[in-house]
Amino acid sequence: MGQCAYEWLHIEAVVVPEDARGKGLGRALMQQAEAIAASHGCTGAWLGTLAFQARGFYEKLGYSLFGELENFPRGGSYFFMRKEI
Protein backbone atom coordinates (compact mmCIF):
# COMPACT_ATOMS: atom_id res chain seq x y z
CA MET A 1 0.00 0.00 0.00
CA GLY A 2 1.37 3.41 -0.87
CA GLN A 3 0.60 6.90 -2.07
CA CYS A 4 2.18 9.52 -4.29
CA ALA A 5 2.78 13.03 -3.00
CA TYR A 6 5.24 15.75 -4.01
CA GLU A 7 6.57 13.53 -6.81
CA TRP A 8 7.52 10.76 -4.35
CA LEU A 9 5.93 7.40 -3.68
CA HIS A 10 5.59 6.61 0.01
CA ILE A 11 5.33 2.86 0.49
CA GLU A 12 3.33 2.34 3.65
CA ALA A 13 3.22 -1.46 3.71
CA VAL A 14 4.34 -4.47 1.72
CA VAL A 15 2.85 -7.72 2.91
CA VAL A 16 3.71 -11.06 1.39
CA PRO A 17 2.29 -14.12 3.15
CA GLU A 18 5.00 -16.29 4.65
CA ASP A 19 4.20 -19.27 2.41
CA ALA A 20 4.59 -17.05 -0.69
CA ARG A 21 7.98 -15.58 0.25
CA GLY A 22 11.08 -16.40 -1.74
CA LYS A 23 9.17 -16.70 -5.00
CA GLY A 24 9.73 -13.20 -6.37
CA LEU A 25 6.30 -11.85 -5.44
CA GLY A 26 7.66 -9.08 -3.21
CA ARG A 27 10.11 -7.95 -5.88
CA ALA A 28 7.31 -7.97 -8.49
CA LEU A 29 5.01 -5.93 -6.23
CA MET A 30 7.72 -3.34 -5.61
CA GLN A 31 8.60 -3.07 -9.29
CA GLN A 32 4.96 -2.65 -10.23
CA ALA A 33 4.44 0.03 -7.56
CA GLU A 34 7.52 1.91 -8.77
CA ALA A 35 6.38 1.69 -12.40
CA ILE A 36 2.92 3.02 -11.53
CA ALA A 37 4.47 5.83 -9.47
CA ALA A 38 6.81 6.76 -12.34
CA SER A 39 3.85 6.87 -14.73
CA HIS A 40 2.27 9.41 -12.36
CA GLY A 41 5.40 11.58 -12.40
CA CYS A 42 7.10 10.35 -9.24
CA THR A 43 10.88 10.63 -9.21
CA GLY A 44 11.55 8.58 -6.10
CA ALA A 45 10.17 6.22 -3.48
CA TRP A 46 10.68 6.04 0.26
CA LEU A 47 9.66 3.72 3.07
CA GLY A 48 10.39 2.68 6.61
CA THR A 49 11.24 -0.73 7.99
CA LEU A 50 12.19 -2.16 11.35
CA ALA A 51 15.54 -3.81 12.02
CA PHE A 52 13.99 -7.28 12.27
CA GLN A 53 12.00 -6.86 9.08
CA ALA A 54 13.13 -6.49 5.48
CA ARG A 55 15.97 -3.96 5.27
CA GLY A 56 18.10 -6.38 3.23
CA PHE A 57 15.22 -7.04 0.84
CA TYR A 58 14.87 -3.33 0.08
CA GLU A 59 18.64 -2.87 -0.29
CA LYS A 60 18.66 -5.64 -2.93
CA LEU A 61 16.03 -3.60 -4.81
CA GLY A 62 18.27 -0.52 -4.83
CA TYR A 63 17.00 1.30 -1.75
CA SER A 64 19.52 3.09 0.45
CA LEU A 65 19.39 4.20 4.06
CA PHE A 66 18.77 7.90 4.70
CA GLY A 67 17.87 7.86 8.37
CA GLU A 68 17.59 5.76 11.47
CA LEU A 69 15.40 6.12 14.53
CA GLU A 70 17.38 4.32 17.21
CA ASN A 71 15.79 2.48 20.12
CA PHE A 72 12.50 2.06 18.24
CA PRO A 73 11.26 -0.23 19.52
CA ARG A 74 13.45 -0.40 22.61
CA GLY A 75 16.68 -2.11 21.65
CA GLY A 76 15.92 -1.96 17.92
CA SER A 77 15.91 0.56 15.11
CA TYR A 78 13.51 1.91 12.50
CA PHE A 79 15.19 2.57 9.15
CA PHE A 80 14.16 5.14 6.55
CA MET A 81 15.06 4.10 3.01
CA ARG A 82 14.85 5.75 -0.40
CA LYS A 83 15.33 5.07 -4.09
CA GLU A 84 15.18 7.27 -7.16
CA ILE A 85 12.89 5.88 -9.83
PDB file of N, CA and C in Angstrom:
ATOM      1  N   MET A   1       0.857  -1.163   0.000  1.00  0.00           N
ATOM      2  CA  MET A   1       0.000   0.000   0.000  1.00  0.00           C
ATOM      3  C   MET A   1       0.904   1.227   0.000  1.00  0.00           C
ATOM      4  N   GLY A   2       0.564   2.210  -0.789  1.00  0.00           N
ATOM      5  CA  GLY A   2       1.365   3.415  -0.865  1.00  0.00           C
ATOM      6  C   GLY A   2       0.578   4.570  -1.455  1.00  0.00           C
ATOM      7  N   GLN A   3       1.230   5.721  -1.488  1.00  0.00           N
ATOM      8  CA  GLN A   3       0.600   6.901  -2.067  1.00  0.00           C
ATOM      9  C   GLN A   3       1.670   7.818  -2.634  1.00  0.00           C
ATOM     10  N   CYS A   4       1.281   8.558  -3.666  1.00  0.00           N
ATOM     11  CA  CYS A   4       2.175   9.524  -4.294  1.00  0.00           C
ATOM     12  C   CYS A   4       1.858  10.915  -3.782  1.00  0.00           C
ATOM     13  N   ALA A   5       2.910  11.634  -3.418  1.00  0.00           N
ATOM     14  CA  ALA A   5       2.776  13.027  -2.996  1.00  0.00           C
ATOM     15  C   ALA A   5       4.105  13.732  -3.240  1.00  0.00           C
ATOM     16  N   TYR A   6       4.046  14.948  -3.765  1.00  0.00           N
ATOM     17  CA  TYR A   6       5.242  15.753  -4.010  1.00  0.00           C
ATOM     18  C   TYR A   6       6.260  15.016  -4.882  1.00  0.00           C
ATOM     19  N   GLU A   7       5.768  14.277  -5.855  1.00  0.00           N
ATOM     20  CA  GLU A   7       6.571  13.529  -6.812  1.00  0.00           C
ATOM     21  C   GLU A   7       7.360  12.386  -6.176  1.00  0.00           C
ATOM     22  N   TRP A   8       6.892  11.899  -5.029  1.00  0.00           N
ATOM     23  CA  TRP A   8       7.515  10.765  -4.352  1.00  0.00           C
ATOM     24  C   TRP A   8       6.445   9.764  -3.978  1.00  0.00           C
ATOM     25  N   LEU A   9       6.783   8.491  -4.132  1.00  0.00           N
ATOM     26  CA  LEU A   9       5.927   7.402  -3.681  1.00  0.00           C
ATOM     27  C   LEU A   9       6.318   7.056  -2.257  1.00  0.00           C
ATOM     28  N   HIS A  10       5.355   7.082  -1.353  1.00  0.00           N
ATOM     29  CA  HIS A  10       5.588   6.613   0.011  1.00  0.00           C
ATOM     30  C   HIS A  10       4.966   5.230   0.127  1.00  0.00           C
ATOM     31  N   ILE A  11       5.791   4.233   0.339  1.00  0.00           N
ATOM     32  CA  ILE A  11       5.326   2.865   0.487  1.00  0.00           C
ATOM     33  C   ILE A  11       5.030   2.643   1.964  1.00  0.00           C
ATOM     34  N   GLU A  12       3.753   2.476   2.265  1.00  0.00           N
ATOM     35  CA  GLU A  12       3.328   2.339   3.654  1.00  0.00           C
ATOM     36  C   GLU A  12       3.432   0.905   4.151  1.00  0.00           C
ATOM     37  N   ALA A  13       3.170  -0.059   3.284  1.00  0.00           N
ATOM     38  CA  ALA A  13       3.219  -1.457   3.707  1.00  0.00           C
ATOM     39  C   ALA A  13       3.388  -2.364   2.504  1.00  0.00           C
ATOM     40  N   VAL A  14       4.205  -3.384   2.684  1.00  0.00           N
ATOM     41  CA  VAL A  14       4.344  -4.466   1.717  1.00  0.00           C
ATOM     42  C   VAL A  14       4.158  -5.755   2.516  1.00  0.00           C
ATOM     43  N   VAL A  15       3.140  -6.492   2.176  1.00  0.00           N
ATOM     44  CA  VAL A  15       2.848  -7.721   2.914  1.00  0.00           C
ATOM     45  C   VAL A  15       2.809  -8.895   1.943  1.00  0.00           C
ATOM     46  N   VAL A  16       3.689  -9.825   2.168  1.00  0.00           N
ATOM     47  CA  VAL A  16       3.715 -11.061   1.389  1.00  0.00           C
ATOM     48  C   VAL A  16       3.538 -12.198   2.392  1.00  0.00           C
ATOM     49  N   PRO A  17       2.495 -13.009   2.224  1.00  0.00           N
ATOM     50  CA  PRO A  17       2.285 -14.123   3.151  1.00  0.00           C
ATOM     51  C   PRO A  17       3.530 -15.010   3.243  1.00  0.00           C
ATOM     52  N   GLU A  18       3.781 -15.512   4.415  1.00  0.00           N
ATOM     53  CA  GLU A  18       4.997 -16.291   4.650  1.00  0.00           C
ATOM     54  C   GLU A  18       5.170 -17.439   3.657  1.00  0.00           C
ATOM     55  N   ASP A  19       4.087 -18.128   3.323  1.00  0.00           N
ATOM     56  CA  ASP A  19       4.196 -19.265   2.406  1.00  0.00           C
ATOM     57  C   ASP A  19       4.450 -18.848   0.960  1.00  0.00           C
ATOM     58  N   ALA A  20       4.348 -17.547   0.659  1.00  0.00           N
ATOM     59  CA  ALA A  20       4.585 -17.049  -0.692  1.00  0.00           C
ATOM     60  C   ALA A  20       5.948 -16.355  -0.816  1.00  0.00           C
ATOM     61  N   ARG A  21       6.686 -16.270   0.280  1.00  0.00           N
ATOM     62  CA  ARG A  21       7.983 -15.584   0.247  1.00  0.00           C
ATOM     63  C   ARG A  21       9.025 -16.423  -0.476  1.00  0.00           C
ATOM     64  N   GLY A  22      10.005 -15.725  -1.039  1.00  0.00           N
ATOM     65  CA  GLY A  22      11.084 -16.403  -1.738  1.00  0.00           C
ATOM     66  C   GLY A  22      10.747 -16.807  -3.163  1.00  0.00           C
ATOM     67  N   LYS A  23       9.612 -16.337  -3.656  1.00  0.00           N
ATOM     68  CA  LYS A  23       9.168 -16.705  -5.004  1.00  0.00           C
ATOM     69  C   LYS A  23       9.150 -15.515  -5.962  1.00  0.00           C
ATOM     70  N   GLY A  24       9.671 -14.372  -5.512  1.00  0.00           N
ATOM     71  CA  GLY A  24       9.733 -13.196  -6.367  1.00  0.00           C
ATOM     72  C   GLY A  24       8.511 -12.301  -6.314  1.00  0.00           C
ATOM     73  N   LEU A  25       7.526 -12.654  -5.501  1.00  0.00           N
ATOM     74  CA  LEU A  25       6.300 -11.851  -5.437  1.00  0.00           C
ATOM     75  C   LEU A  25       6.563 -10.457  -4.865  1.00  0.00           C
ATOM     76  N   GLY A  26       7.344 -10.383  -3.802  1.00  0.00           N
ATOM     77  CA  GLY A  26       7.657  -9.081  -3.207  1.00  0.00           C
ATOM     78  C   GLY A  26       8.380  -8.171  -4.182  1.00  0.00           C
ATOM     79  N   ARG A  27       9.366  -8.721  -4.873  1.00  0.00           N
ATOM     80  CA  ARG A  27      10.106  -7.949  -5.882  1.00  0.00           C
ATOM     81  C   ARG A  27       9.146  -7.466  -6.968  1.00  0.00           C
ATOM     82  N   ALA A  28       8.268  -8.334  -7.438  1.00  0.00           N
ATOM     83  CA  ALA A  28       7.311  -7.967  -8.493  1.00  0.00           C
ATOM     84  C   ALA A  28       6.365  -6.864  -8.014  1.00  0.00           C
ATOM     85  N   LEU A  29       5.895  -6.963  -6.776  1.00  0.00           N
ATOM     86  CA  LEU A  29       5.012  -5.929  -6.228  1.00  0.00           C
ATOM     87  C   LEU A  29       5.714  -4.577  -6.172  1.00  0.00           C
ATOM     88  N   MET A  30       6.961  -4.584  -5.707  1.00  0.00           N
ATOM     89  CA  MET A  30       7.719  -3.338  -5.606  1.00  0.00           C
ATOM     90  C   MET A  30       7.977  -2.741  -6.989  1.00  0.00           C
ATOM     91  N   GLN A  31       8.347  -3.572  -7.943  1.00  0.00           N
ATOM     92  CA  GLN A  31       8.603  -3.074  -9.293  1.00  0.00           C
ATOM     93  C   GLN A  31       7.345  -2.502  -9.922  1.00  0.00           C
ATOM     94  N   GLN A  32       6.218  -3.154  -9.690  1.00  0.00           N
ATOM     95  CA  GLN A  32       4.957  -2.648 -10.234  1.00  0.00           C
ATOM     96  C   GLN A  32       4.581  -1.320  -9.581  1.00  0.00           C
ATOM     97  N   ALA A  33       4.746  -1.226  -8.264  1.00  0.00           N
ATOM     98  CA  ALA A  33       4.440   0.032  -7.561  1.00  0.00           C
ATOM     99  C   ALA A  33       5.323   1.163  -8.070  1.00  0.00           C
ATOM    100  N   GLU A  34       6.605   0.888  -8.269  1.00  0.00           N
ATOM    101  CA  GLU A  34       7.523   1.908  -8.767  1.00  0.00           C
ATOM    102  C   GLU A  34       7.163   2.327 -10.190  1.00  0.00           C
ATOM    103  N   ALA A  35       6.769   1.378 -11.020  1.00  0.00           N
ATOM    104  CA  ALA A  35       6.376   1.691 -12.400  1.00  0.00           C
ATOM    105  C   ALA A  35       5.117   2.553 -12.424  1.00  0.00           C
ATOM    106  N   ILE A  36       4.154   2.226 -11.599  1.00  0.00           N
ATOM    107  CA  ILE A  36       2.924   3.022 -11.529  1.00  0.00           C
ATOM    108  C   ILE A  36       3.244   4.427 -11.039  1.00  0.00           C
ATOM    109  N   ALA A  37       4.090   4.519 -10.004  1.00  0.00           N
ATOM    110  CA  ALA A  37       4.473   5.828  -9.470  1.00  0.00           C
ATOM    111  C   ALA A  37       5.184   6.661 -10.536  1.00  0.00           C
ATOM    112  N   ALA A  38       6.098   6.041 -11.275  1.00  0.00           N
ATOM    113  CA  ALA A  38       6.811   6.765 -12.335  1.00  0.00           C
ATOM    114  C   ALA A  38       5.847   7.263 -13.400  1.00  0.00           C
ATOM    115  N   SER A  39       4.828   6.454 -13.721  1.00  0.00           N
ATOM    116  CA  SER A  39       3.851   6.875 -14.730  1.00  0.00           C
ATOM    117  C   SER A  39       3.003   8.045 -14.249  1.00  0.00           C
ATOM    118  N   HIS A  40       2.983   8.275 -12.940  1.00  0.00           N
ATOM    119  CA  HIS A  40       2.273   9.412 -12.358  1.00  0.00           C
ATOM    120  C   HIS A  40       3.220  10.569 -12.051  1.00  0.00           C
ATOM    121  N   GLY A  41       4.452  10.488 -12.540  1.00  0.00           N
ATOM    122  CA  GLY A  41       5.395  11.583 -12.395  1.00  0.00           C
ATOM    123  C   GLY A  41       6.273  11.535 -11.164  1.00  0.00           C
ATOM    124  N   CYS A  42       6.248  10.459 -10.421  1.00  0.00           N
ATOM    125  CA  CYS A  42       7.103  10.352  -9.239  1.00  0.00           C
ATOM    126  C   CYS A  42       8.552  10.143  -9.663  1.00  0.00           C
ATOM    127  N   THR A  43       9.453  10.749  -8.914  1.00  0.00           N
ATOM    128  CA  THR A  43      10.880  10.632  -9.207  1.00  0.00           C
ATOM    129  C   THR A  43      11.609   9.778  -8.184  1.00  0.00           C
ATOM    130  N   GLY A  44      10.926   9.396  -7.122  1.00  0.00           N
ATOM    131  CA  GLY A  44      11.552   8.575  -6.104  1.00  0.00           C
ATOM    132  C   GLY A  44      10.522   7.881  -5.248  1.00  0.00           C
ATOM    133  N   ALA A  45      11.017   6.959  -4.418  1.00  0.00           N
ATOM    134  CA  ALA A  45      10.165   6.225  -3.479  1.00  0.00           C
ATOM    135  C   ALA A  45      10.879   6.166  -2.140  1.00  0.00           C
ATOM    136  N   TRP A  46      10.094   6.174  -1.072  1.00  0.00           N
ATOM    137  CA  TRP A  46      10.683   6.038   0.257  1.00  0.00           C
ATOM    138  C   TRP A  46       9.781   5.186   1.136  1.00  0.00           C
ATOM    139  N   LEU A  47      10.378   4.612   2.169  1.00  0.00           N
ATOM    140  CA  LEU A  47       9.656   3.717   3.070  1.00  0.00           C
ATOM    141  C   LEU A  47      10.401   3.617   4.385  1.00  0.00           C
ATOM    142  N   GLY A  48       9.761   2.960   5.321  1.00  0.00           N
ATOM    143  CA  GLY A  48      10.392   2.678   6.606  1.00  0.00           C
ATOM    144  C   GLY A  48      10.266   1.209   6.916  1.00  0.00           C
ATOM    145  N   THR A  49      11.262   0.673   7.600  1.00  0.00           N
ATOM    146  CA  THR A  49      11.235  -0.734   7.993  1.00  0.00           C
ATOM    147  C   THR A  49      11.965  -0.900   9.313  1.00  0.00           C
ATOM    148  N   LEU A  50      11.551  -1.864  10.075  1.00  0.00           N
ATOM    149  CA  LEU A  50      12.191  -2.155  11.351  1.00  0.00           C
ATOM    150  C   LEU A  50      13.404  -3.047  11.156  1.00  0.00           C
ATOM    151  N   ALA A  51      14.298  -3.044  12.125  1.00  0.00           N
ATOM    152  CA  ALA A  51      15.536  -3.812  12.024  1.00  0.00           C
ATOM    153  C   ALA A  51      15.278  -5.292  11.788  1.00  0.00           C
ATOM    154  N   PHE A  52      14.251  -5.841  12.400  1.00  0.00           N
ATOM    155  CA  PHE A  52      13.993  -7.278  12.268  1.00  0.00           C
ATOM    156  C   PHE A  52      13.161  -7.610  11.042  1.00  0.00           C
ATOM    157  N   GLN A  53      12.821  -6.609  10.254  1.00  0.00           N
ATOM    158  CA  GLN A  53      12.004  -6.865   9.078  1.00  0.00           C
ATOM    159  C   GLN A  53      12.863  -6.998   7.832  1.00  0.00           C
ATOM    160  N   ALA A  54      12.631  -6.208   6.827  1.00  0.00           N
ATOM    161  CA  ALA A  54      13.134  -6.492   5.483  1.00  0.00           C
ATOM    162  C   ALA A  54      14.147  -5.495   4.936  1.00  0.00           C
ATOM    163  N   ARG A  55      15.004  -4.933   5.781  1.00  0.00           N
ATOM    164  CA  ARG A  55      15.973  -3.961   5.273  1.00  0.00           C
ATOM    165  C   ARG A  55      16.799  -4.546   4.120  1.00  0.00           C
ATOM    166  N   GLY A  56      17.300  -5.751   4.274  1.00  0.00           N
ATOM    167  CA  GLY A  56      18.105  -6.384   3.231  1.00  0.00           C
ATOM    168  C   GLY A  56      17.345  -6.565   1.927  1.00  0.00           C
ATOM    169  N   PHE A  57      16.071  -6.889   2.030  1.00  0.00           N
ATOM    170  CA  PHE A  57      15.220  -7.037   0.840  1.00  0.00           C
ATOM    171  C   PHE A  57      15.185  -5.735   0.060  1.00  0.00           C
ATOM    172  N   TYR A  58      14.957  -4.626   0.753  1.00  0.00           N
ATOM    173  CA  TYR A  58      14.872  -3.333   0.078  1.00  0.00           C
ATOM    174  C   TYR A  58      16.227  -2.912  -0.489  1.00  0.00           C
ATOM    175  N   GLU A  59      17.305  -3.208   0.227  1.00  0.00           N
ATOM    176  CA  GLU A  59      18.635  -2.874  -0.292  1.00  0.00           C
ATOM    177  C   GLU A  59      18.912  -3.625  -1.587  1.00  0.00           C
ATOM    178  N   LYS A  60      18.480  -4.876  -1.687  1.00  0.00           N
ATOM    179  CA  LYS A  60      18.658  -5.642  -2.930  1.00  0.00           C
ATOM    180  C   LYS A  60      17.883  -5.023  -4.087  1.00  0.00           C
ATOM    181  N   LEU A  61      16.832  -4.259  -3.776  1.00  0.00           N
ATOM    182  CA  LEU A  61      16.029  -3.596  -4.809  1.00  0.00           C
ATOM    183  C   LEU A  61      16.554  -2.195  -5.131  1.00  0.00           C
ATOM    184  N   GLY A  62      17.669  -1.811  -4.525  1.00  0.00           N
ATOM    185  CA  GLY A  62      18.274  -0.521  -4.832  1.00  0.00           C
ATOM    186  C   GLY A  62      17.963   0.594  -3.856  1.00  0.00           C
ATOM    187  N   TYR A  63      17.297   0.285  -2.760  1.00  0.00           N
ATOM    188  CA  TYR A  63      16.996   1.298  -1.754  1.00  0.00           C
ATOM    189  C   TYR A  63      18.213   1.525  -0.859  1.00  0.00           C
ATOM    190  N   SER A  64      18.405   2.769  -0.433  1.00  0.00           N
ATOM    191  CA  SER A  64      19.517   3.089   0.455  1.00  0.00           C
ATOM    192  C   SER A  64      18.994   3.777   1.709  1.00  0.00           C
ATOM    193  N   LEU A  65      19.745   3.643   2.754  1.00  0.00           N
ATOM    194  CA  LEU A  65      19.392   4.197   4.061  1.00  0.00           C
ATOM    195  C   LEU A  65      19.584   5.712   4.049  1.00  0.00           C
ATOM    196  N   PHE A  66      18.585   6.457   4.553  1.00  0.00           N
ATOM    197  CA  PHE A  66      18.767   7.899   4.701  1.00  0.00           C
ATOM    198  C   PHE A  66      18.469   8.377   6.116  1.00  0.00           C
ATOM    199  N   GLY A  67      18.098   7.474   6.982  1.00  0.00           N
ATOM    200  CA  GLY A  67      17.869   7.863   8.370  1.00  0.00           C
ATOM    201  C   GLY A  67      17.593   6.652   9.241  1.00  0.00           C
ATOM    202  N   GLU A  68      17.834   6.833  10.523  1.00  0.00           N
ATOM    203  CA  GLU A  68      17.589   5.761  11.474  1.00  0.00           C
ATOM    204  C   GLU A  68      17.035   6.348  12.764  1.00  0.00           C
ATOM    205  N   LEU A  69      15.964   5.764  13.235  1.00  0.00           N
ATOM    206  CA  LEU A  69      15.395   6.117  14.528  1.00  0.00           C
ATOM    207  C   LEU A  69      15.826   5.015  15.490  1.00  0.00           C
ATOM    208  N   GLU A  70      16.816   5.318  16.304  1.00  0.00           N
ATOM    209  CA  GLU A  70      17.376   4.318  17.213  1.00  0.00           C
ATOM    210  C   GLU A  70      16.440   4.066  18.392  1.00  0.00           C
ATOM    211  N   ASN A  71      16.560   2.886  18.937  1.00  0.00           N
ATOM    212  CA  ASN A  71      15.792   2.478  20.118  1.00  0.00           C
ATOM    213  C   ASN A  71      14.289   2.495  19.862  1.00  0.00           C
ATOM    214  N   PHE A  72      13.909   2.138  18.622  1.00  0.00           N
ATOM    215  CA  PHE A  72      12.498   2.062  18.239  1.00  0.00           C
ATOM    216  C   PHE A  72      12.257   0.767  17.504  1.00  0.00           C
ATOM    217  N   PRO A  73      11.629  -0.207  18.105  1.00  0.00           N
ATOM    218  CA  PRO A  73      11.261  -0.228  19.517  1.00  0.00           C
ATOM    219  C   PRO A  73      12.504  -0.394  20.390  1.00  0.00           C
ATOM    220  N   ARG A  74      12.325  -0.338  21.677  1.00  0.00           N
ATOM    221  CA  ARG A  74      13.450  -0.396  22.612  1.00  0.00           C
ATOM    222  C   ARG A  74      14.410  -1.526  22.214  1.00  0.00           C
ATOM    223  N   GLY A  75      15.658  -1.152  22.041  1.00  0.00           N
ATOM    224  CA  GLY A  75      16.682  -2.114  21.655  1.00  0.00           C
ATOM    225  C   GLY A  75      16.798  -2.348  20.168  1.00  0.00           C
ATOM    226  N   GLY A  76      15.908  -1.780  19.373  1.00  0.00           N
ATOM    227  CA  GLY A  76      15.919  -1.961  17.923  1.00  0.00           C
ATOM    228  C   GLY A  76      16.093  -0.645  17.205  1.00  0.00           C
ATOM    229  N   SER A  77      15.832  -0.644  15.932  1.00  0.00           N
ATOM    230  CA  SER A  77      15.910   0.563  15.107  1.00  0.00           C
ATOM    231  C   SER A  77      14.843   0.533  14.032  1.00  0.00           C
ATOM    232  N   TYR A  78      14.423   1.715  13.626  1.00  0.00           N
ATOM    233  CA  TYR A  78      13.511   1.905  12.496  1.00  0.00           C
ATOM    234  C   TYR A  78      14.328   2.608  11.431  1.00  0.00           C
ATOM    235  N   PHE A  79      14.360   2.038  10.223  1.00  0.00           N
ATOM    236  CA  PHE A  79      15.185   2.571   9.148  1.00  0.00           C
ATOM    237  C   PHE A  79      14.331   3.257   8.096  1.00  0.00           C
ATOM    238  N   PHE A  80      14.780   4.410   7.643  1.00  0.00           N
ATOM    239  CA  PHE A  80      14.156   5.140   6.554  1.00  0.00           C
ATOM    240  C   PHE A  80      15.007   4.893   5.308  1.00  0.00           C
ATOM    241  N   MET A  81      14.348   4.457   4.220  1.00  0.00           N
ATOM    242  CA  MET A  81      15.064   4.096   3.009  1.00  0.00           C
ATOM    243  C   MET A  81      14.462   4.801   1.800  1.00  0.00           C
ATOM    244  N   ARG A  82      15.290   5.033   0.789  1.00  0.00           N
ATOM    245  CA  ARG A  82      14.848   5.753  -0.402  1.00  0.00           C
ATOM    246  C   ARG A  82      15.470   5.174  -1.658  1.00  0.00           C
ATOM    247  N   LYS A  83      14.810   5.490  -2.778  1.00  0.00           N
ATOM    248  CA  LYS A  83      15.325   5.070  -4.086  1.00  0.00           C
ATOM    249  C   LYS A  83      14.797   6.045  -5.134  1.00  0.00           C
ATOM    250  N   GLU A  84      15.654   6.460  -6.033  1.00  0.00           N
ATOM    251  CA  GLU A  84      15.182   7.265  -7.160  1.00  0.00           C
ATOM    252  C   GLU A  84      14.631   6.317  -8.216  1.00  0.00           C
ATOM    253  N   ILE A  85      13.522   6.735  -8.814  1.00  0.00           N
ATOM    254  CA  ILE A  85      12.890   5.877  -9.831  1.00  0.00           C
ATOM    255  C   ILE A  85      12.751   6.646 -11.138  1.00  0.00           C
TER     256      ILE A  85
END
